């Protein structure tokens, strides 16, 4: 009986880990498909995934070693770099395309991450 209980407990733990990983994969996919939405939020994402923001934030951070906001920011800035490298779009247009309504805030976040403004990045 004890052996069966131990095996059941191990199975439940494994399933919990698998469902956490699946939840995070779904979240990452949602973020990649919706990063340009300036209204994207943990609450909006969690309502789509049918989980609480607190639970989600804990699982997401455990699986990715970063918060939702940091992950979203990284995705947005990766896309911004692609656009800076491949288009002649003005910085404020790129800001809008990657989910920032305010070009100044986009430039601030970009410079904070890379130590250089988007326009200077493009010139280099």
PDB file of N, CA and C in Angstrom:
ATOM      1  N   UNK A   1       0.818  -1.201   0.000  1.00  0.00           N
ATOM      2  CA  UNK A   1       0.000   0.000   0.000  1.00  0.00           C
ATOM      3  C   UNK A   1       0.860   1.263   0.000  1.00  0.00           C
ATOM      4  N   UNK A   2       1.919   1.266   0.817  1.00  0.00           N
ATOM      5  CA  UNK A   2       2.801   2.433   0.915  1.00  0.00           C
ATOM      6  C   UNK A   2       3.515   2.671  -0.414  1.00  0.00           C
ATOM      7  N   UNK A   3       3.945   1.587  -1.072  1.00  0.00           N
ATOM      8  CA  UNK A   3       4.603   1.726  -2.376  1.00  0.00           C
ATOM      9  C   UNK A   3       3.673   2.393  -3.384  1.00  0.00           C
ATOM     10  N   UNK A   4       2.407   1.964  -3.400  1.00  0.00           N
ATOM     11  CA  UNK A   4       1.433   2.559  -4.324  1.00  0.00           C
ATOM     12  C   UNK A   4       1.212   4.033  -4.008  1.00  0.00           C
ATOM     13  N   UNK A   5       1.152   4.361  -2.739  1.00  0.00           N
ATOM     14  CA  UNK A   5       0.961   5.761  -2.328  1.00  0.00           C
ATOM     15  C   UNK A   5       2.152   6.612  -2.763  1.00  0.00           C
ATOM     16  N   UNK A   6       3.354   6.071  -2.616  1.00  0.00           N
ATOM     17  CA  UNK A   6       4.566   6.793  -3.030  1.00  0.00           C
ATOM     18  C   UNK A   6       4.563   6.995  -4.544  1.00  0.00           C
ATOM     19  N   UNK A   7       4.227   5.943  -5.294  1.00  0.00           N
ATOM     20  CA  UNK A   7       4.171   6.051  -6.755  1.00  0.00           C
ATOM     21  C   UNK A   7       3.118   7.063  -7.194  1.00  0.00           C
ATOM     22  N   UNK A   8       1.975   7.040  -6.539  1.00  0.00           N
ATOM     23  CA  UNK A   8       0.909   7.993  -6.855  1.00  0.00           C
ATOM     24  C   UNK A   8       1.376   9.418  -6.578  1.00  0.00           C
ATOM     25  N   UNK A   9       2.038   9.604  -5.457  1.00  0.00           N
ATOM     26  CA  UNK A   9       2.560  10.922  -5.090  1.00  0.00           C
ATOM     27  C   UNK A   9       3.573  11.413  -6.132  1.00  0.00           C
ATOM     28  N   UNK A  10       4.472  10.527  -6.579  1.00  0.00           N
ATOM     29  CA  UNK A  10       5.460  10.878  -7.606  1.00  0.00           C
ATOM     30  C   UNK A  10       4.767  11.237  -8.921  1.00  0.00           C
ATOM     31  N   UNK A  11       3.741  10.478  -9.276  1.00  0.00           N
ATOM     32  CA  UNK A  11       2.979  10.736 -10.494  1.00  0.00           C
ATOM     33  C   UNK A  11       2.316  12.116 -10.428  1.00  0.00           C
ATOM     34  N   UNK A  12       1.708  12.424  -9.301  1.00  0.00           N
ATOM     35  CA  UNK A  12       1.036  13.718  -9.122  1.00  0.00           C
ATOM     36  C   UNK A  12       2.044  14.863  -9.231  1.00  0.00           C
ATOM     37  N   UNK A  13       3.207  14.691  -8.604  1.00  0.00           N
ATOM     38  CA  UNK A  13       4.251  15.724  -8.689  1.00  0.00           C
ATOM     39  C   UNK A  13       4.673  15.949 -10.139  1.00  0.00           C
ATOM     40  N   UNK A  14       4.878  14.842 -10.868  1.00  0.00           N
ATOM     41  CA  UNK A  14       5.297  14.925 -12.265  1.00  0.00           C
ATOM     42  C   UNK A  14       4.226  15.626 -13.108  1.00  0.00           C
ATOM     43  N   UNK A  15       2.971  15.271 -12.874  1.00  0.00           N
ATOM     44  CA  UNK A  15       1.870  15.903 -13.612  1.00  0.00           C
ATOM     45  C   UNK A  15       1.791  17.396 -13.316  1.00  0.00           C
ATOM     46  N   UNK A  16       2.021  17.767 -12.065  1.00  0.00           N
ATOM     47  CA  UNK A  16       1.989  19.180 -11.678  1.00  0.00           C
ATOM     48  C   UNK A  16       3.087  19.948 -12.417  1.00  0.00           C
ATOM     49  N   UNK A  17       4.279  19.362 -12.490  1.00  0.00           N
ATOM     50  CA  UNK A  17       5.397  19.992 -13.204  1.00  0.00           C
ATOM     51  C   UNK A  17       5.058  20.119 -14.684  1.00  0.00           C
ATOM     52  N   UNK A  18       4.499  19.049 -15.267  1.00  0.00           N
ATOM     53  CA  UNK A  18       4.122  19.085 -16.681  1.00  0.00           C
ATOM     54  C   UNK A  18       3.064  20.144 -16.955  1.00  0.00           C
ATOM     55  N   UNK A  19       2.069  20.259 -16.077  1.00  0.00           N
ATOM     56  CA  UNK A  19       1.018  21.251 -16.305  1.00  0.00           C
ATOM     57  C   UNK A  19       1.567  22.662 -16.124  1.00  0.00           C
ATOM     58  N   UNK A  20       2.531  22.840 -15.221  1.00  0.00           N
ATOM     59  CA  UNK A  20       3.180  24.145 -15.054  1.00  0.00           C
ATOM     60  C   UNK A  20       3.939  24.526 -16.313  1.00  0.00           C
ATOM     61  N   UNK A  21       4.689  23.572 -16.847  1.00  0.00           N
ATOM     62  CA  UNK A  21       5.455  23.827 -18.070  1.00  0.00           C
ATOM     63  C   UNK A  21       4.519  24.153 -19.236  1.00  0.00           C
ATOM     64  N   UNK A  22       3.423  23.422 -19.339  1.00  0.00           N
ATOM     65  CA  UNK A  22       2.452  23.662 -20.404  1.00  0.00           C
ATOM     66  C   UNK A  22       1.829  25.051 -20.260  1.00  0.00           C
ATOM     67  N   UNK A  23       1.497  25.423 -19.048  1.00  0.00           N
ATOM     68  CA  UNK A  23       0.929  26.744 -18.771  1.00  0.00           C
ATOM     69  C   UNK A  23       1.903  27.841 -19.204  1.00  0.00           C
ATOM     70  N   UNK A  24       3.166  27.683 -18.862  1.00  0.00           N
ATOM     71  CA  UNK A  24       4.182  28.679 -19.219  1.00  0.00           C
ATOM     72  C   UNK A  24       4.382  28.720 -20.736  1.00  0.00           C
ATOM     73  N   UNK A  25       4.373  27.561 -21.387  1.00  0.00           N
ATOM     74  CA  UNK A  25       4.508  27.537 -22.851  1.00  0.00           C
ATOM     75  C   UNK A  25       3.341  28.267 -23.515  1.00  0.00           C
ATOM     76  N   UNK A  26       2.133  28.041 -23.017  1.00  0.00           N
ATOM     77  CA  UNK A  26       0.962  28.747 -23.554  1.00  0.00           C
ATOM     78  C   UNK A  26       1.100  30.249 -23.338  1.00  0.00           C
ATOM     79  N   UNK A  27       1.592  30.630 -22.171  1.00  0.00           N
ATOM     80  CA  UNK A  27       1.785  32.049 -21.854  1.00  0.00           C
ATOM     81  C   UNK A  27       2.815  32.673 -22.791  1.00  0.00           C
ATOM     82  N   UNK A  28       3.922  31.980 -23.004  1.00  0.00           N
ATOM     83  CA  UNK A  28       4.966  32.489 -23.901  1.00  0.00           C
ATOM     84  C   UNK A  28       4.423  32.665 -25.318  1.00  0.00           C
ATOM     85  N   UNK A  29       3.646  31.696 -25.758  1.00  0.00           N
ATOM     86  CA  UNK A  29       3.050  31.773 -27.094  1.00  0.00           C
ATOM     87  C   UNK A  29       2.110  32.980 -27.185  1.00  0.00           C
ATOM     88  N   UNK A  30       1.297  33.171 -26.155  1.00  0.00           N
ATOM     89  CA  UNK A  30       0.379  34.314 -26.121  1.00  0.00           C
ATOM     90  C   UNK A  30       1.163  35.626 -26.170  1.00  0.00           C
ATOM     91  N   UNK A  31       2.232  35.708 -25.393  1.00  0.00           N
ATOM     92  CA  UNK A  31       3.052  36.925 -25.362  1.00  0.00           C
ATOM     93  C   UNK A  31       3.673  37.174 -26.738  1.00  0.00           C
ATOM     94  N   UNK A  32       4.217  36.142 -27.349  1.00  0.00           N
ATOM     95  CA  UNK A  32       4.838  36.297 -28.677  1.00  0.00           C
ATOM     96  C   UNK A  32       3.822  36.745 -29.726  1.00  0.00           C
ATOM     97  N   UNK A  33       2.581  36.305 -29.581  1.00  0.00           N
ATOM     98  CA  UNK A  33       1.539  36.690 -30.537  1.00  0.00           C
ATOM     99  C   UNK A  33       0.889  38.030 -30.227  1.00  0.00           C
ATOM    100  N   UNK A  34       1.061  38.530 -29.010  1.00  0.00           N
ATOM    101  CA  UNK A  34       0.342  39.739 -28.583  1.00  0.00           C
ATOM    102  C   UNK A  34       1.223  40.832 -27.976  1.00  0.00           C
ATOM    103  N   UNK A  35       2.544  40.712 -28.101  1.00  0.00           N
ATOM    104  CA  UNK A  35       3.442  41.698 -27.476  1.00  0.00           C
ATOM    105  C   UNK A  35       3.186  43.124 -27.960  1.00  0.00           C
ATOM    106  N   UNK A  36       2.638  43.265 -29.160  1.00  0.00           N
ATOM    107  CA  UNK A  36       2.405  44.608 -29.710  1.00  0.00           C
ATOM    108  C   UNK A  36       1.160  45.278 -29.125  1.00  0.00           C
ATOM    109  N   UNK A  37       0.367  44.525 -28.389  1.00  0.00           N
ATOM    110  CA  UNK A  37      -0.822  45.074 -27.728  1.00  0.00           C
ATOM    111  C   UNK A  37      -0.377  45.835 -26.482  1.00  0.00           C
ATOM    112  N   UNK A  38      -0.529  47.153 -26.519  1.00  0.00           N
ATOM    113  CA  UNK A  38      -0.065  47.948 -25.373  1.00  0.00           C
ATOM    114  C   UNK A  38      -0.902  47.707 -24.127  1.00  0.00           C
ATOM    115  N   UNK A  39      -2.038  47.048 -24.258  1.00  0.00           N
ATOM    116  CA  UNK A  39      -2.883  46.744 -23.097  1.00  0.00           C
ATOM    117  C   UNK A  39      -2.656  45.333 -22.550  1.00  0.00           C
ATOM    118  N   UNK A  40      -1.676  44.623 -23.078  1.00  0.00           N
ATOM    119  CA  UNK A  40      -1.388  43.276 -22.571  1.00  0.00           C
ATOM    120  C   UNK A  40      -1.016  43.382 -21.085  1.00  0.00           C
ATOM    121  N   UNK A  41      -1.517  42.431 -20.312  1.00  0.00           N
ATOM    122  CA  UNK A  41      -1.251  42.447 -18.869  1.00  0.00           C
ATOM    123  C   UNK A  41      -1.331  41.029 -18.324  1.00  0.00           C
ATOM    124  N   UNK A  42      -0.815  40.863 -17.127  1.00  0.00           N
ATOM    125  CA  UNK A  42      -0.907  39.565 -16.452  1.00  0.00           C
ATOM    126  C   UNK A  42      -2.374  39.189 -16.297  1.00  0.00           C
ATOM    127  N   UNK A  43      -3.188  40.155 -15.909  1.00  0.00           N
ATOM    128  CA  UNK A  43      -4.619  39.883 -15.690  1.00  0.00           C
ATOM    129  C   UNK A  43      -5.293  39.408 -16.974  1.00  0.00           C
ATOM    130  N   UNK A  44      -5.001  40.074 -18.075  1.00  0.00           N
ATOM    131  CA  UNK A  44      -5.587  39.705 -19.368  1.00  0.00           C
ATOM    132  C   UNK A  44      -5.145  38.297 -19.774  1.00  0.00           C
ATOM    133  N   UNK A  45      -3.861  38.032 -19.625  1.00  0.00           N
ATOM    134  CA  UNK A  45      -3.314  36.718 -19.954  1.00  0.00           C
ATOM    135  C   UNK A  45      -3.934  35.636 -19.079  1.00  0.00           C
ATOM    136  N   UNK A  46      -4.016  35.905 -17.778  1.00  0.00           N
ATOM    137  CA  UNK A  46      -4.549  34.910 -16.841  1.00  0.00           C
ATOM    138  C   UNK A  46      -6.022  34.616 -17.090  1.00  0.00           C
ATOM    139  N   UNK A  47      -6.771  35.607 -17.538  1.00  0.00           N
ATOM    140  CA  UNK A  47      -8.181  35.343 -17.855  1.00  0.00           C
ATOM    141  C   UNK A  47      -8.278  34.413 -19.069  1.00  0.00           C
ATOM    142  N   UNK A  48      -7.338  34.528 -20.007  1.00  0.00           N
ATOM    143  CA  UNK A  48      -7.305  33.618 -21.167  1.00  0.00           C
ATOM    144  C   UNK A  48      -6.898  32.201 -20.747  1.00  0.00           C
ATOM    145  N   UNK A  49      -5.982  32.125 -19.780  1.00  0.00           N
ATOM    146  CA  UNK A  49      -5.473  30.822 -19.338  1.00  0.00           C
ATOM    147  C   UNK A  49      -6.291  30.211 -18.202  1.00  0.00           C
ATOM    148  N   UNK A  50      -7.239  30.979 -17.678  1.00  0.00           N
ATOM    149  CA  UNK A  50      -8.112  30.526 -16.587  1.00  0.00           C
ATOM    150  C   UNK A  50      -7.335  30.159 -15.322  1.00  0.00           C
ATOM    151  N   UNK A  51      -6.389  31.027 -14.960  1.00  0.00           N
ATOM    152  CA  UNK A  51      -5.641  30.861 -13.709  1.00  0.00           C
ATOM    153  C   UNK A  51      -5.550  32.210 -13.007  1.00  0.00           C
ATOM    154  N   UNK A  52      -5.255  32.174 -11.723  1.00  0.00           N
ATOM    155  CA  UNK A  52      -5.138  33.435 -10.979  1.00  0.00           C
ATOM    156  C   UNK A  52      -3.792  34.088 -11.281  1.00  0.00           C
ATOM    157  N   UNK A  53      -3.748  35.420 -11.289  1.00  0.00           N
ATOM    158  CA  UNK A  53      -2.486  36.121 -11.529  1.00  0.00           C
ATOM    159  C   UNK A  53      -1.388  35.747 -10.525  1.00  0.00           C
ATOM    160  N   UNK A  54      -1.756  35.540  -9.277  1.00  0.00           N
ATOM    161  CA  UNK A  54      -0.766  35.184  -8.255  1.00  0.00           C
ATOM    162  C   UNK A  54      -0.148  33.821  -8.558  1.00  0.00           C
ATOM    163  N   UNK A  55      -0.996  32.834  -8.827  1.00  0.00           N
ATOM    164  CA  UNK A  55      -0.519  31.491  -9.166  1.00  0.00           C
ATOM    165  C   UNK A  55       0.348  31.549 -10.421  1.00  0.00           C
ATOM    166  N   UNK A  56      -0.163  32.221 -11.450  1.00  0.00           N
ATOM    167  CA  UNK A  56       0.567  32.315 -12.712  1.00  0.00           C
ATOM    168  C   UNK A  56       1.943  32.954 -12.515  1.00  0.00           C
ATOM    169  N   UNK A  57       1.981  34.067 -11.806  1.00  0.00           N
ATOM    170  CA  UNK A  57       3.247  34.787 -11.606  1.00  0.00           C
ATOM    171  C   UNK A  57       4.283  33.909 -10.919  1.00  0.00           C
ATOM    172  N   UNK A  58       3.834  33.135  -9.940  1.00  0.00           N
ATOM    173  CA  UNK A  58       4.734  32.223  -9.225  1.00  0.00           C
ATOM    174  C   UNK A  58       5.283  31.159 -10.169  1.00  0.00           C
ATOM    175  N   UNK A  59       4.399  30.527 -10.926  1.00  0.00           N
ATOM    176  CA  UNK A  59       4.797  29.461 -11.855  1.00  0.00           C
ATOM    177  C   UNK A  59       5.695  30.022 -12.957  1.00  0.00           C
ATOM    178  N   UNK A  60       5.308  31.159 -13.519  1.00  0.00           N
ATOM    179  CA  UNK A  60       6.061  31.746 -14.630  1.00  0.00           C
ATOM    180  C   UNK A  60       7.485  32.085 -14.197  1.00  0.00           C
ATOM    181  N   UNK A  61       7.603  32.694 -13.034  1.00  0.00           N
ATOM    182  CA  UNK A  61       8.932  33.076 -12.530  1.00  0.00           C
ATOM    183  C   UNK A  61       9.772  31.834 -12.239  1.00  0.00           C
ATOM    184  N   UNK A  62       9.138  30.802 -11.691  1.00  0.00           N
ATOM    185  CA  UNK A  62       9.845  29.554 -11.374  1.00  0.00           C
ATOM    186  C   UNK A  62      10.378  28.894 -12.652  1.00  0.00           C
ATOM    187  N   UNK A  63       9.580  28.907 -13.713  1.00  0.00           N
ATOM    188  CA  UNK A  63       9.951  28.236 -14.967  1.00  0.00           C
ATOM    189  C   UNK A  63      10.913  29.058 -15.829  1.00  0.00           C
ATOM    190  N   UNK A  64      10.807  30.398 -15.784  1.00  0.00           N
ATOM    191  CA  UNK A  64      11.584  31.239 -16.700  1.00  0.00           C
ATOM    192  C   UNK A  64      12.679  32.056 -16.013  1.00  0.00           C
ATOM    193  N   UNK A  65      12.660  32.068 -14.693  1.00  0.00           N
ATOM    194  CA  UNK A  65      13.580  32.900 -13.906  1.00  0.00           C
ATOM    195  C   UNK A  65      13.404  34.390 -14.176  1.00  0.00           C
ATOM    196  N   UNK A  66      12.228  34.773 -14.654  1.00  0.00           N
ATOM    197  CA  UNK A  66      11.940  36.192 -14.836  1.00  0.00           C
ATOM    198  C   UNK A  66      10.451  36.448 -14.671  1.00  0.00           C
ATOM    199  N   UNK A  67      10.129  37.679 -14.369  1.00  0.00           N
ATOM    200  CA  UNK A  67       8.721  38.035 -14.208  1.00  0.00           C
ATOM    201  C   UNK A  67       8.060  38.172 -15.580  1.00  0.00           C
ATOM    202  N   UNK A  68       6.743  38.181 -15.580  1.00  0.00           N
ATOM    203  CA  UNK A  68       5.971  38.394 -16.805  1.00  0.00           C
ATOM    204  C   UNK A  68       6.408  39.687 -17.482  1.00  0.00           C
ATOM    205  N   UNK A  69       6.501  40.768 -16.713  1.00  0.00           N
ATOM    206  CA  UNK A  69       6.845  42.083 -17.272  1.00  0.00           C
ATOM    207  C   UNK A  69       8.242  42.062 -17.893  1.00  0.00           C
ATOM    208  N   UNK A  70       9.198  41.458 -17.212  1.00  0.00           N
ATOM    209  CA  UNK A  70      10.558  41.381 -17.770  1.00  0.00           C
ATOM    210  C   UNK A  70      10.595  40.540 -19.040  1.00  0.00           C
ATOM    211  N   UNK A  71       9.847  39.445 -19.052  1.00  0.00           N
ATOM    212  CA  UNK A  71       9.790  38.596 -20.245  1.00  0.00           C
ATOM    213  C   UNK A  71       9.168  39.369 -21.405  1.00  0.00           C
ATOM    214  N   UNK A  72       8.052  40.029 -21.144  1.00  0.00           N
ATOM    215  CA  UNK A  72       7.372  40.830 -22.166  1.00  0.00           C
ATOM    216  C   UNK A  72       8.305  41.918 -22.698  1.00  0.00           C
ATOM    217  N   UNK A  73       8.995  42.596 -21.802  1.00  0.00           N
ATOM    218  CA  UNK A  73       9.925  43.654 -22.204  1.00  0.00           C
ATOM    219  C   UNK A  73      11.025  43.094 -23.098  1.00  0.00           C
ATOM    220  N   UNK A  74      11.580  41.937 -22.735  1.00  0.00           N
ATOM    221  CA  UNK A  74      12.621  41.312 -23.563  1.00  0.00           C
ATOM    222  C   UNK A  74      12.107  40.997 -24.963  1.00  0.00           C
ATOM    223  N   UNK A  75      10.910  40.444 -25.052  1.00  0.00           N
ATOM    224  CA  UNK A  75      10.321  40.120 -26.359  1.00  0.00           C
ATOM    225  C   UNK A  75      10.141  41.400 -27.170  1.00  0.00           C
ATOM    226  N   UNK A  76       9.589  42.424 -26.539  1.00  0.00           N
ATOM    227  CA  UNK A  76       9.371  43.701 -27.235  1.00  0.00           C
ATOM    228  C   UNK A  76      10.687  44.300 -27.728  1.00  0.00           C
ATOM    229  N   UNK A  77      11.705  44.261 -26.897  1.00  0.00           N
ATOM    230  CA  UNK A  77      12.985  44.859 -27.286  1.00  0.00           C
ATOM    231  C   UNK A  77      13.697  44.033 -28.360  1.00  0.00           C
ATOM    232  N   UNK A  78      13.558  42.713 -28.325  1.00  0.00           N
ATOM    233  CA  UNK A  78      14.104  41.865 -29.399  1.00  0.00           C
ATOM    234  C   UNK A  78      13.471  42.249 -30.730  1.00  0.00           C
ATOM    235  N   UNK A  79      12.154  42.424 -30.712  1.00  0.00           N
ATOM    236  CA  UNK A  79      11.440  42.813 -31.929  1.00  0.00           C
ATOM    237  C   UNK A  79      11.850  44.209 -32.380  1.00  0.00           C
ATOM    238  N   UNK A  80      12.035  45.113 -31.431  1.00  0.00           N
ATOM    239  CA  UNK A  80      12.459  46.478 -31.757  1.00  0.00           C
ATOM    240  C   UNK A  80      13.816  46.456 -32.460  1.00  0.00           C
ATOM    241  N   UNK A  81      14.728  45.635 -31.958  1.00  0.00           N
ATOM    242  CA  UNK A  81      16.052  45.533 -32.582  1.00  0.00           C
ATOM    243  C   UNK A  81      15.931  45.013 -34.015  1.00  0.00           C
ATOM    244  N   UNK A  82      15.080  44.007 -34.216  1.00  0.00           N
ATOM    245  CA  UNK A  82      14.863  43.497 -35.582  1.00  0.00           C
ATOM    246  C   UNK A  82      14.378  44.623 -36.491  1.00  0.00           C
ATOM    247  N   UNK A  83      13.416  45.406 -35.996  1.00  0.00           N
ATOM    248  CA  UNK A  83      12.866  46.500 -36.802  1.00  0.00           C
ATOM    249  C   UNK A  83      13.895  47.606 -37.031  1.00  0.00           C
ATOM    250  N   UNK A  84      14.686  47.907 -36.028  1.00  0.00           N
ATOM    251  CA  UNK A  84      15.740  48.921 -36.194  1.00  0.00           C
ATOM    252  C   UNK A  84      16.760  48.473 -37.243  1.00  0.00           C
ATOM    253  N   UNK A  85      17.017  47.180 -37.289  1.00  0.00           N
ATOM    254  CA  UNK A  85      18.000  46.634 -38.234  1.00  0.00           C
ATOM    255  C   UNK A  85      17.451  46.435 -39.641  1.00  0.00           C
ATOM    256  N   UNK A  86      16.137  46.285 -39.763  1.00  0.00           N
ATOM    257  CA  UNK A  86      15.589  45.888 -41.069  1.00  0.00           C
ATOM    258  C   UNK A  86      14.627  46.891 -41.694  1.00  0.00           C
ATOM    259  N   UNK A  87      14.314  47.976 -40.994  1.00  0.00           N
ATOM    260  CA  UNK A  87      13.393  48.966 -41.561  1.00  0.00           C
ATOM    261  C   UNK A  87      13.966  50.370 -41.393  1.00  0.00           C
ATOM    262  N   UNK A  88      13.340  51.305 -42.075  1.00  0.00           N
ATOM    263  CA  UNK A  88      13.683  52.719 -41.905  1.00  0.00           C
ATOM    264  C   UNK A  88      12.630  53.422 -41.059  1.00  0.00           C
ATOM    265  N   UNK A  89      11.776  52.644 -40.402  1.00  0.00           N
ATOM    266  CA  UNK A  89      10.712  53.233 -39.580  1.00  0.00           C
ATOM    267  C   UNK A  89      11.298  54.155 -38.522  1.00  0.00           C
ATOM    268  N   UNK A  90      10.594  55.236 -38.271  1.00  0.00           N
ATOM    269  CA  UNK A  90      10.991  56.161 -37.203  1.00  0.00           C
ATOM    270  C   UNK A  90      10.828  55.444 -35.862  1.00  0.00           C
ATOM    271  N   UNK A  91      11.558  55.923 -34.868  1.00  0.00           N
ATOM    272  CA  UNK A  91      11.543  55.301 -33.543  1.00  0.00           C
ATOM    273  C   UNK A  91      10.137  55.235 -32.962  1.00  0.00           C
ATOM    274  N   UNK A  92       9.341  56.296 -33.131  1.00  0.00           N
ATOM    275  CA  UNK A  92       7.996  56.285 -32.556  1.00  0.00           C
ATOM    276  C   UNK A  92       7.103  55.248 -33.232  1.00  0.00           C
ATOM    277  N   UNK A  93       7.350  54.972 -34.505  1.00  0.00           N
ATOM    278  CA  UNK A  93       6.586  53.929 -35.220  1.00  0.00           C
ATOM    279  C   UNK A  93       6.983  52.552 -34.678  1.00  0.00           C
ATOM    280  N   UNK A  94       8.262  52.344 -34.497  1.00  0.00           N
ATOM    281  CA  UNK A  94       8.741  51.073 -33.934  1.00  0.00           C
ATOM    282  C   UNK A  94       8.180  50.892 -32.529  1.00  0.00           C
ATOM    283  N   UNK A  95       8.188  51.959 -31.748  1.00  0.00           N
ATOM    284  CA  UNK A  95       7.623  51.897 -30.391  1.00  0.00           C
ATOM    285  C   UNK A  95       6.187  51.386 -30.447  1.00  0.00           C
ATOM    286  N   UNK A  96       5.381  51.951 -31.330  1.00  0.00           N
ATOM    287  CA  UNK A  96       3.980  51.518 -31.471  1.00  0.00           C
ATOM    288  C   UNK A  96       3.890  50.061 -31.917  1.00  0.00           C
ATOM    289  N   UNK A  97       4.733  49.674 -32.859  1.00  0.00           N
ATOM    290  CA  UNK A  97       4.706  48.305 -33.388  1.00  0.00           C
ATOM    291  C   UNK A  97       5.047  47.260 -32.329  1.00  0.00           C
ATOM    292  N   UNK A  98       5.855  47.641 -31.337  1.00  0.00           N
ATOM    293  CA  UNK A  98       6.251  46.666 -30.316  1.00  0.00           C
ATOM    294  C   UNK A  98       5.501  46.844 -29.000  1.00  0.00           C
ATOM    295  N   UNK A  99       4.452  47.671 -29.005  1.00  0.00           N
ATOM    296  CA  UNK A  99       3.572  47.724 -27.836  1.00  0.00           C
ATOM    297  C   UNK A  99       3.753  48.899 -26.900  1.00  0.00           C
ATOM    298  N   UNK A 100       4.496  49.913 -27.312  1.00  0.00           N
ATOM    299  CA  UNK A 100       4.667  51.108 -26.476  1.00  0.00           C
ATOM    300  C   UNK A 100       3.918  52.276 -27.103  1.00  0.00           C
ATOM    301  N   UNK A 101       2.991  52.855 -26.360  1.00  0.00           N
ATOM    302  CA  UNK A 101       2.253  54.018 -26.850  1.00  0.00           C
ATOM    303  C   UNK A 101       3.118  55.269 -26.838  1.00  0.00           C
ATOM    304  N   UNK A 102       4.028  55.329 -25.885  1.00  0.00           N
ATOM    305  CA  UNK A 102       4.878  56.508 -25.717  1.00  0.00           C
ATOM    306  C   UNK A 102       6.291  56.224 -26.220  1.00  0.00           C
ATOM    307  N   UNK A 103       6.707  56.955 -27.245  1.00  0.00           N
ATOM    308  CA  UNK A 103       8.051  56.774 -27.804  1.00  0.00           C
ATOM    309  C   UNK A 103       9.127  57.092 -26.769  1.00  0.00           C
ATOM    310  N   UNK A 104       8.878  58.085 -25.926  1.00  0.00           N
ATOM    311  CA  UNK A 104       9.867  58.447 -24.902  1.00  0.00           C
ATOM    312  C   UNK A 104      10.075  57.309 -23.906  1.00  0.00           C
ATOM    313  N   UNK A 105       8.973  56.666 -23.519  1.00  0.00           N
ATOM    314  CA  UNK A 105       9.092  55.546 -22.579  1.00  0.00           C
ATOM    315  C   UNK A 105       9.808  54.374 -23.249  1.00  0.00           C
ATOM    316  N   UNK A 106       9.483  54.114 -24.513  1.00  0.00           N
ATOM    317  CA  UNK A 106      10.172  53.070 -25.273  1.00  0.00           C
ATOM    318  C   UNK A 106      11.679  53.338 -25.291  1.00  0.00           C
ATOM    319  N   UNK A 107      12.061  54.570 -25.595  1.00  0.00           N
ATOM    320  CA  UNK A 107      13.485  54.932 -25.639  1.00  0.00           C
ATOM    321  C   UNK A 107      14.142  54.747 -24.277  1.00  0.00           C
ATOM    322  N   UNK A 108      13.418  55.111 -23.224  1.00  0.00           N
ATOM    323  CA  UNK A 108      13.923  54.954 -21.855  1.00  0.00           C
ATOM    324  C   UNK A 108      14.183  53.475 -21.544  1.00  0.00           C
ATOM    325  N   UNK A 109      13.212  52.625 -21.851  1.00  0.00           N
ATOM    326  CA  UNK A 109      13.338  51.180 -21.581  1.00  0.00           C
ATOM    327  C   UNK A 109      14.477  50.587 -22.415  1.00  0.00           C
ATOM    328  N   UNK A 110      14.547  50.983 -23.677  1.00  0.00           N
ATOM    329  CA  UNK A 110      15.588  50.501 -24.581  1.00  0.00           C
ATOM    330  C   UNK A 110      16.972  50.876 -24.054  1.00  0.00           C
ATOM    331  N   UNK A 111      17.126  52.145 -23.682  1.00  0.00           N
ATOM    332  CA  UNK A 111      18.424  52.631 -23.197  1.00  0.00           C
ATOM    333  C   UNK A 111      18.804  51.974 -21.869  1.00  0.00           C
ATOM    334  N   UNK A 112      17.802  51.763 -21.017  1.00  0.00           N
ATOM    335  CA  UNK A 112      18.047  51.103 -19.732  1.00  0.00           C
ATOM    336  C   UNK A 112      18.584  49.685 -19.957  1.00  0.00           C
ATOM    337  N   UNK A 113      18.045  48.998 -20.949  1.00  0.00           N
ATOM    338  CA  UNK A 113      18.442  47.612 -21.232  1.00  0.00           C
ATOM    339  C   UNK A 113      19.788  47.535 -21.962  1.00  0.00           C
ATOM    340  N   UNK A 114      19.978  48.391 -22.972  1.00  0.00           N
ATOM    341  CA  UNK A 114      21.146  48.264 -23.848  1.00  0.00           C
ATOM    342  C   UNK A 114      22.207  49.352 -23.666  1.00  0.00           C
ATOM    343  N   UNK A 115      21.897  50.376 -22.860  1.00  0.00           N
ATOM    344  CA  UNK A 115      22.874  51.432 -22.615  1.00  0.00           C
ATOM    345  C   UNK A 115      23.034  52.413 -23.758  1.00  0.00           C
ATOM    346  N   UNK A 116      22.113  52.371 -24.703  1.00  0.00           N
ATOM    347  CA  UNK A 116      22.170  53.244 -25.878  1.00  0.00           C
ATOM    348  C   UNK A 116      20.736  53.489 -26.354  1.00  0.00           C
ATOM    349  N   UNK A 117      20.472  54.656 -26.897  1.00  0.00           N
ATOM    350  CA  UNK A 117      19.114  54.953 -27.370  1.00  0.00           C
ATOM    351  C   UNK A 117      18.840  54.193 -28.670  1.00  0.00           C
ATOM    352  N   UNK A 118      17.569  53.984 -29.015  1.00  0.00           N
ATOM    353  CA  UNK A 118      17.247  53.287 -30.265  1.00  0.00           C
ATOM    354  C   UNK A 118      17.833  53.979 -31.503  1.00  0.00           C
ATOM    355  N   UNK A 119      17.770  55.299 -31.546  1.00  0.00           N
ATOM    356  CA  UNK A 119      18.291  56.001 -32.726  1.00  0.00           C
ATOM    357  C   UNK A 119      19.813  55.868 -32.821  1.00  0.00           C
ATOM    358  N   UNK A 120      20.491  55.909 -31.692  1.00  0.00           N
ATOM    359  CA  UNK A 120      21.947  55.711 -31.701  1.00  0.00           C
ATOM    360  C   UNK A 120      22.293  54.269 -32.067  1.00  0.00           C
ATOM    361  N   UNK A 121      21.500  53.327 -31.566  1.00  0.00           N
ATOM    362  CA  UNK A 121      21.711  51.916 -31.907  1.00  0.00           C
ATOM    363  C   UNK A 121      21.668  51.748 -33.422  1.00  0.00           C
ATOM    364  N   UNK A 122      20.674  52.355 -34.045  1.00  0.00           N
ATOM    365  CA  UNK A 122      20.512  52.236 -35.492  1.00  0.00           C
ATOM    366  C   UNK A 122      21.711  52.827 -36.230  1.00  0.00           C
ATOM    367  N   UNK A 123      22.227  53.946 -35.765  1.00  0.00           N
ATOM    368  CA  UNK A 123      23.369  54.597 -36.430  1.00  0.00           C
ATOM    369  C   UNK A 123      24.626  53.740 -36.357  1.00  0.00           C
ATOM    370  N   UNK A 124      24.756  52.976 -35.275  1.00  0.00           N
ATOM    371  CA  UNK A 124      25.925  52.100 -35.131  1.00  0.00           C
ATOM    372  C   UNK A 124      25.695  50.868 -35.954  1.00  0.00           C
TER     373      UNK A 124
END
